[in-house]
Amino acid sequence: MKALDIFNINDRQRFNDFIQEAELGKLALITKQDRPTFLMVPFNQTLLENGVHRSIAINLFAANCLSLAQAAALANITIYDFLDLLKETDIPVVDYSATELHEELKAGR
């Protein structure tokens, strides 16, 4: 998943983009005068099954906006329970390209 999308509330021409992002299950930050106004949370199965805090934590973690520890804290669960939650929702904990993984493994030797 890519980073969190940011939309200006006055950009009415992009309203369809808001809807498409929500249909894809993505969070978006809505701003007004360059200040955060609200967070658009898609009403989807993740939200229904996990609640608002956990759904936001999952989405922000997947968008690389929160670390594992930060997302677990937002979800109000342990890191281990958050790892289980990520597994249940098919969100990868580590998202390396083959090159990045090779470099990490090489650095760890």
Protein backbone atom coordinates (compact mmCIF):
# COMPACT_ATOMS: atom_id res chain seq x y z
CA MET A 1 0.00 0.00 0.00
CA LYS A 2 1.30 3.47 -0.78
CA ALA A 3 1.62 6.35 1.66
CA LEU A 4 -1.44 8.13 2.96
CA ASP A 5 -3.17 10.31 0.37
CA ILE A 6 -3.86 13.93 1.26
CA PHE A 7 -6.76 15.85 -0.24
CA ASN A 8 -7.78 19.48 0.20
CA ILE A 9 -11.42 19.80 1.17
CA ASN A 10 -11.86 22.70 -1.29
CA ASP A 11 -10.71 20.59 -4.25
CA ARG A 12 -14.19 19.56 -5.31
CA GLN A 13 -12.91 18.26 -8.65
CA ARG A 14 -11.15 15.44 -6.80
CA PHE A 15 -14.25 14.29 -4.91
CA ASN A 16 -14.39 11.15 -7.07
CA ASP A 17 -10.81 10.43 -6.01
CA PHE A 18 -11.98 10.46 -2.37
CA ILE A 19 -14.61 7.87 -3.19
CA GLN A 20 -12.22 5.69 -5.20
CA GLU A 21 -9.67 5.73 -2.37
CA ALA A 22 -12.34 4.65 0.12
CA GLU A 23 -13.56 1.89 -2.20
CA LEU A 24 -9.98 0.62 -2.37
CA GLY A 25 -9.90 0.52 1.42
CA LYS A 26 -7.42 3.38 1.80
CA LEU A 27 -7.30 6.05 4.43
CA ALA A 28 -6.96 9.65 3.31
CA LEU A 29 -6.19 12.82 5.19
CA ILE A 30 -8.51 15.70 4.34
CA THR A 31 -7.09 19.18 4.85
CA LYS A 32 -8.46 22.70 4.89
CA GLN A 33 -6.09 25.64 4.48
CA ASP A 34 -3.15 23.19 4.65
CA ARG A 35 -4.19 21.95 8.11
CA PRO A 36 -5.49 18.45 8.84
CA THR A 37 -9.28 18.54 9.19
CA PHE A 38 -10.32 14.90 9.31
CA LEU A 39 -9.24 11.39 8.48
CA MET A 40 -11.34 9.53 5.93
CA VAL A 41 -11.74 5.94 7.13
CA PRO A 42 -13.23 3.52 4.62
CA PHE A 43 -16.30 1.65 5.79
CA ASN A 44 -15.15 -1.85 4.90
CA GLN A 45 -14.76 -5.35 6.33
CA THR A 46 -11.59 -4.41 8.21
CA LEU A 47 -13.47 -1.65 10.02
CA LEU A 48 -16.43 -3.91 10.77
CA GLU A 49 -14.28 -6.75 12.08
CA ASN A 50 -11.68 -4.76 13.99
CA GLY A 51 -13.23 -1.45 15.01
CA VAL A 52 -12.06 2.09 14.32
CA HIS A 53 -8.79 2.16 16.27
CA ARG A 54 -7.51 -1.12 14.92
CA SER A 55 -8.67 -0.34 11.38
CA ILE A 56 -6.84 3.00 11.43
CA ALA A 57 -3.74 1.37 12.93
CA ILE A 58 -3.73 -1.35 10.25
CA ASN A 59 -4.12 1.17 7.45
CA LEU A 60 -1.52 3.60 8.78
CA PHE A 61 0.96 0.76 9.32
CA ALA A 62 0.35 -0.55 5.80
CA ALA A 63 0.88 2.97 4.42
CA ASN A 64 4.22 3.18 6.27
CA CYS A 65 2.94 6.09 8.37
CA LEU A 66 3.36 4.26 11.70
CA SER A 67 5.94 1.83 13.01
CA LEU A 68 4.87 -1.56 14.29
CA ALA A 69 5.06 -0.35 17.90
CA GLN A 70 3.13 2.86 17.15
CA ALA A 71 0.39 0.98 15.31
CA ALA A 72 0.06 -1.56 18.13
CA ALA A 73 -0.23 1.28 20.63
CA LEU A 74 -2.92 3.00 18.53
CA ALA A 75 -4.79 -0.30 18.30
CA ASN A 76 -4.40 -0.63 22.09
CA ILE A 77 -2.96 -4.13 21.84
CA THR A 78 0.47 -5.71 22.27
CA ILE A 79 2.92 -5.85 19.39
CA TYR A 80 2.46 -9.62 19.29
CA ASP A 81 -1.31 -9.29 19.03
CA PHE A 82 -0.87 -6.63 16.34
CA LEU A 83 1.38 -9.02 14.39
CA ASP A 84 -1.42 -11.61 14.58
CA LEU A 85 -3.90 -8.97 13.40
CA LEU A 86 -1.68 -8.12 10.43
CA LYS A 87 -1.48 -11.80 9.56
CA GLU A 88 -5.28 -12.12 9.71
CA THR A 89 -5.72 -9.14 7.38
CA ASP A 90 -2.95 -10.23 4.95
CA ILE A 91 -0.83 -7.11 5.60
CA PRO A 92 2.90 -7.85 5.29
CA VAL A 93 5.00 -6.94 8.30
CA VAL A 94 8.10 -6.50 6.16
CA ASP A 95 7.75 -5.08 2.68
CA TYR A 96 11.21 -5.26 1.10
CA SER A 97 12.00 -5.48 -2.58
CA ALA A 98 14.42 -8.29 -3.51
CA THR A 99 17.27 -5.77 -3.68
CA GLU A 100 16.43 -4.23 -0.29
CA LEU A 101 16.17 -7.67 1.30
CA HIS A 102 19.54 -8.69 -0.16
CA GLU A 103 21.13 -5.48 1.21
CA GLU A 104 19.59 -6.03 4.65
CA LEU A 105 20.79 -9.62 4.79
CA LYS A 106 24.25 -8.58 3.62
CA ALA A 107 24.41 -5.84 6.27
CA GLY A 108 23.38 -8.29 8.97
CA ARG A 109 26.34 -10.60 8.40
